[in-house]
């Protein structure tokens, strides 16, 4: 596991030419790891017929204003480790 609860992370700012489970609204956003959710094959690769090795998936909490520019709530996303980089 590369990240631990409480770690600050940023999602990669990417626009791949194939399927991705990283929502466009969350690309390049900063959030906080809440906990790990086990290991799962990267859905991006599976959708392209590949057989990826499972990797850690994390619950990451974002402030709504970080994602949408406004709002007092939070949004939690399940994100594969490949989508994240340390802040």
N, C-alpha and C. Protein backbone atom coordinates (compact mmCIF):
# COMPACT_ATOMS: atom_id res chain seq x y z
N UNK A 1 0.84 -1.17 0.00
CA UNK A 1 0.00 0.00 0.00
C UNK A 1 0.89 1.24 0.00
N UNK A 2 0.64 2.09 -0.95
CA UNK A 2 1.43 3.32 -1.07
C UNK A 2 0.90 4.43 -0.18
N UNK A 3 -0.42 4.44 0.09
CA UNK A 3 -1.04 5.51 0.86
C UNK A 3 -1.70 4.96 2.12
N UNK A 4 -1.81 5.83 3.12
CA UNK A 4 -2.42 5.48 4.40
C UNK A 4 -3.54 6.46 4.72
N UNK A 5 -4.45 6.09 5.61
CA UNK A 5 -5.50 7.03 6.01
C UNK A 5 -4.88 8.35 6.48
N UNK A 6 -5.47 9.44 6.03
CA UNK A 6 -4.99 10.77 6.38
C UNK A 6 -4.03 11.38 5.38
N UNK A 7 -3.48 10.55 4.48
CA UNK A 7 -2.57 11.08 3.46
C UNK A 7 -3.32 11.99 2.51
N UNK A 8 -2.68 13.10 2.14
CA UNK A 8 -3.22 14.01 1.15
C UNK A 8 -2.71 13.55 -0.22
N UNK A 9 -3.62 13.48 -1.17
CA UNK A 9 -3.29 13.01 -2.50
C UNK A 9 -3.91 13.93 -3.55
N UNK A 10 -3.40 13.83 -4.76
CA UNK A 10 -3.99 14.53 -5.90
C UNK A 10 -4.24 13.48 -6.97
N UNK A 11 -5.40 13.59 -7.61
CA UNK A 11 -5.68 12.68 -8.72
C UNK A 11 -4.90 13.15 -9.94
N UNK A 12 -4.56 12.21 -10.76
CA UNK A 12 -3.84 12.54 -11.99
C UNK A 12 -4.76 13.34 -12.92
N UNK A 13 -4.16 14.29 -13.60
CA UNK A 13 -4.91 15.09 -14.57
C UNK A 13 -4.64 14.47 -15.93
N UNK A 14 -5.49 13.54 -16.32
CA UNK A 14 -5.28 12.76 -17.53
C UNK A 14 -6.57 12.71 -18.34
N UNK A 15 -6.43 12.52 -19.61
CA UNK A 15 -7.58 12.36 -20.50
C UNK A 15 -7.26 11.23 -21.48
N UNK A 16 -7.30 9.99 -20.98
CA UNK A 16 -6.91 8.86 -21.83
C UNK A 16 -7.89 8.65 -22.99
N UNK A 17 -7.41 8.05 -24.07
CA UNK A 17 -8.27 7.79 -25.22
C UNK A 17 -9.15 6.55 -25.04
N UNK A 18 -9.18 6.01 -23.84
CA UNK A 18 -9.95 4.80 -23.56
C UNK A 18 -10.77 5.00 -22.29
N UNK A 19 -11.54 4.01 -21.96
CA UNK A 19 -12.37 4.03 -20.76
C UNK A 19 -11.52 4.29 -19.52
N UNK A 20 -12.05 5.09 -18.59
CA UNK A 20 -11.42 5.26 -17.28
C UNK A 20 -12.51 5.42 -16.23
N UNK A 21 -12.22 4.93 -15.03
CA UNK A 21 -13.16 5.08 -13.92
C UNK A 21 -12.84 6.32 -13.09
N UNK A 22 -11.87 7.12 -13.53
CA UNK A 22 -11.55 8.38 -12.85
C UNK A 22 -12.47 9.45 -13.43
N UNK A 23 -13.45 9.92 -12.64
CA UNK A 23 -14.39 10.91 -13.17
C UNK A 23 -13.68 12.19 -13.64
N UNK A 24 -14.16 12.73 -14.72
CA UNK A 24 -13.58 13.95 -15.28
C UNK A 24 -13.58 15.08 -14.23
N UNK A 25 -14.66 15.19 -13.45
CA UNK A 25 -14.76 16.27 -12.47
C UNK A 25 -13.74 16.14 -11.34
N UNK A 26 -13.14 14.96 -11.19
CA UNK A 26 -12.18 14.75 -10.09
C UNK A 26 -10.73 14.78 -10.56
N UNK A 27 -10.50 14.95 -11.84
CA UNK A 27 -9.13 14.93 -12.36
C UNK A 27 -8.37 16.18 -11.93
N UNK A 28 -7.20 15.95 -11.33
CA UNK A 28 -6.36 17.04 -10.85
C UNK A 28 -6.77 17.59 -9.49
N UNK A 29 -7.73 16.96 -8.84
CA UNK A 29 -8.25 17.44 -7.55
C UNK A 29 -7.47 16.86 -6.37
N UNK A 30 -7.40 17.63 -5.28
CA UNK A 30 -6.74 17.20 -4.05
C UNK A 30 -7.77 16.66 -3.07
N UNK A 31 -7.42 15.55 -2.42
CA UNK A 31 -8.31 14.95 -1.44
C UNK A 31 -7.53 14.25 -0.35
N UNK A 32 -8.26 13.58 0.54
CA UNK A 32 -7.67 12.89 1.68
C UNK A 32 -8.07 11.42 1.67
N UNK A 33 -7.09 10.54 1.81
CA UNK A 33 -7.37 9.10 1.88
C UNK A 33 -8.08 8.80 3.19
N UNK A 34 -9.22 8.11 3.11
CA UNK A 34 -9.95 7.70 4.31
C UNK A 34 -9.52 6.30 4.75
N UNK A 35 -9.48 5.37 3.81
CA UNK A 35 -9.09 3.99 4.11
C UNK A 35 -8.88 3.24 2.81
N UNK A 36 -8.27 2.07 2.92
CA UNK A 36 -8.11 1.25 1.72
C UNK A 36 -9.34 0.36 1.57
N UNK A 37 -9.61 -0.04 0.34
CA UNK A 37 -10.77 -0.86 0.02
C UNK A 37 -10.36 -2.18 -0.63
N UNK A 38 -9.15 -2.62 -0.31
CA UNK A 38 -8.67 -3.88 -0.86
C UNK A 38 -7.96 -3.67 -2.18
N UNK A 39 -7.73 -4.76 -2.88
CA UNK A 39 -7.05 -4.71 -4.17
C UNK A 39 -7.96 -5.26 -5.25
N UNK A 40 -7.99 -4.56 -6.38
CA UNK A 40 -8.85 -4.94 -7.49
C UNK A 40 -8.13 -4.63 -8.80
N UNK A 41 -8.39 -5.42 -9.85
CA UNK A 41 -7.80 -5.12 -11.15
C UNK A 41 -8.29 -3.75 -11.64
N UNK A 42 -7.42 -3.00 -12.28
CA UNK A 42 -7.77 -1.68 -12.80
C UNK A 42 -8.81 -1.83 -13.91
N UNK A 43 -9.98 -1.25 -13.69
CA UNK A 43 -11.09 -1.38 -14.63
C UNK A 43 -10.74 -0.83 -16.01
N UNK A 44 -9.91 0.20 -16.06
CA UNK A 44 -9.50 0.79 -17.35
C UNK A 44 -8.87 -0.28 -18.24
N UNK A 45 -7.98 -1.06 -17.65
CA UNK A 45 -7.28 -2.10 -18.41
C UNK A 45 -8.20 -3.28 -18.72
N UNK A 46 -9.03 -3.65 -17.80
CA UNK A 46 -9.95 -4.77 -18.04
C UNK A 46 -10.90 -4.47 -19.19
N UNK A 47 -11.33 -3.20 -19.30
CA UNK A 47 -12.25 -2.83 -20.37
C UNK A 47 -11.59 -2.92 -21.74
N UNK A 48 -10.26 -2.94 -21.76
CA UNK A 48 -9.52 -3.04 -23.02
C UNK A 48 -9.03 -4.46 -23.28
N UNK A 49 -9.56 -5.42 -22.51
CA UNK A 49 -9.23 -6.82 -22.72
C UNK A 49 -7.92 -7.25 -22.09
N UNK A 50 -7.33 -6.39 -21.29
CA UNK A 50 -6.08 -6.73 -20.61
C UNK A 50 -6.39 -7.49 -19.33
N UNK A 51 -5.37 -8.10 -18.75
CA UNK A 51 -5.53 -8.85 -17.50
C UNK A 51 -4.59 -8.24 -16.45
N UNK A 52 -4.98 -7.07 -15.90
CA UNK A 52 -4.10 -6.38 -14.97
C UNK A 52 -3.98 -7.09 -13.62
N UNK A 53 -2.84 -6.88 -12.99
CA UNK A 53 -2.61 -7.35 -11.63
C UNK A 53 -3.43 -6.47 -10.69
N UNK A 54 -4.11 -7.04 -9.70
CA UNK A 54 -4.87 -6.21 -8.77
C UNK A 54 -3.96 -5.18 -8.10
N UNK A 55 -4.52 -4.00 -7.84
CA UNK A 55 -3.79 -2.94 -7.16
C UNK A 55 -4.69 -2.33 -6.09
N UNK A 56 -4.09 -1.63 -5.13
CA UNK A 56 -4.89 -1.04 -4.07
C UNK A 56 -5.92 -0.03 -4.59
N UNK A 57 -7.06 -0.04 -3.95
CA UNK A 57 -8.13 0.93 -4.19
C UNK A 57 -8.35 1.65 -2.86
N UNK A 58 -8.52 2.97 -2.92
CA UNK A 58 -8.67 3.78 -1.72
C UNK A 58 -9.97 4.58 -1.76
N UNK A 59 -10.58 4.76 -0.60
CA UNK A 59 -11.67 5.72 -0.46
C UNK A 59 -11.01 7.07 -0.22
N UNK A 60 -11.29 8.02 -1.11
CA UNK A 60 -10.68 9.35 -1.03
C UNK A 60 -11.80 10.38 -0.90
N UNK A 61 -11.68 11.25 0.10
CA UNK A 61 -12.69 12.29 0.34
C UNK A 61 -12.22 13.62 -0.24
N UNK A 62 -13.12 14.28 -0.96
CA UNK A 62 -12.86 15.58 -1.56
C UNK A 62 -13.86 16.60 -1.03
N UNK A 63 -13.41 17.80 -0.82
CA UNK A 63 -14.33 18.90 -0.52
C UNK A 63 -15.07 19.24 -1.81
N UNK A 64 -16.37 19.49 -1.72
CA UNK A 64 -17.15 19.81 -2.91
C UNK A 64 -16.59 21.02 -3.63
N UNK A 65 -16.12 22.02 -2.88
CA UNK A 65 -15.58 23.22 -3.54
C UNK A 65 -14.31 22.91 -4.34
N UNK A 66 -13.57 21.84 -3.95
CA UNK A 66 -12.39 21.42 -4.71
C UNK A 66 -12.81 20.82 -6.06
N UNK A 67 -13.93 20.12 -6.06
CA UNK A 67 -14.40 19.47 -7.28
C UNK A 67 -15.27 20.37 -8.16
N UNK A 68 -16.12 21.16 -7.51
CA UNK A 68 -17.15 21.89 -8.24
C UNK A 68 -17.07 23.41 -8.11
N UNK A 69 -16.13 23.89 -7.26
CA UNK A 69 -15.99 25.33 -7.08
C UNK A 69 -16.89 25.92 -6.01
N UNK A 70 -17.82 25.12 -5.48
CA UNK A 70 -18.74 25.59 -4.44
C UNK A 70 -19.29 24.38 -3.71
N UNK A 71 -19.92 24.63 -2.58
CA UNK A 71 -20.55 23.55 -1.81
C UNK A 71 -19.87 23.34 -0.47
N UNK A 72 -20.66 22.97 0.50
CA UNK A 72 -20.15 22.75 1.86
C UNK A 72 -20.09 21.27 2.22
N UNK A 73 -20.38 20.40 1.28
CA UNK A 73 -20.37 18.96 1.54
C UNK A 73 -19.08 18.33 1.03
N UNK A 74 -18.97 17.03 1.23
CA UNK A 74 -17.82 16.29 0.72
C UNK A 74 -18.31 15.19 -0.22
N UNK A 75 -17.40 14.71 -1.04
CA UNK A 75 -17.67 13.62 -1.97
C UNK A 75 -16.59 12.57 -1.75
N UNK A 76 -16.97 11.32 -1.60
CA UNK A 76 -16.01 10.24 -1.43
C UNK A 76 -16.05 9.35 -2.65
N UNK A 77 -14.86 9.10 -3.21
CA UNK A 77 -14.73 8.26 -4.40
C UNK A 77 -13.81 7.08 -4.10
N UNK A 78 -14.09 5.95 -4.71
CA UNK A 78 -13.19 4.79 -4.66
C UNK A 78 -12.27 4.90 -5.86
N UNK A 79 -10.95 5.02 -5.58
CA UNK A 79 -9.99 5.28 -6.65
C UNK A 79 -8.81 4.32 -6.59
N UNK A 80 -8.42 3.81 -7.76
CA UNK A 80 -7.26 2.94 -7.85
C UNK A 80 -5.98 3.74 -7.61
N UNK A 81 -4.97 3.05 -7.10
CA UNK A 81 -3.69 3.68 -6.79
C UNK A 81 -3.07 4.38 -8.00
N UNK A 82 -3.22 3.82 -9.20
CA UNK A 82 -2.67 4.44 -10.40
C UNK A 82 -3.23 5.83 -10.66
N UNK A 83 -4.39 6.15 -10.10
CA UNK A 83 -5.00 7.46 -10.31
C UNK A 83 -4.44 8.52 -9.38
N UNK A 84 -3.66 8.11 -8.37
CA UNK A 84 -3.27 9.03 -7.30
C UNK A 84 -1.77 9.32 -7.27
N UNK A 85 -1.45 10.51 -6.81
CA UNK A 85 -0.06 10.86 -6.52
C UNK A 85 -0.04 11.62 -5.19
N UNK A 86 1.06 11.51 -4.45
CA UNK A 86 1.13 12.20 -3.16
C UNK A 86 1.15 13.71 -3.33
N UNK A 87 0.59 14.40 -2.37
CA UNK A 87 0.65 15.87 -2.36
C UNK A 87 1.84 16.32 -1.54
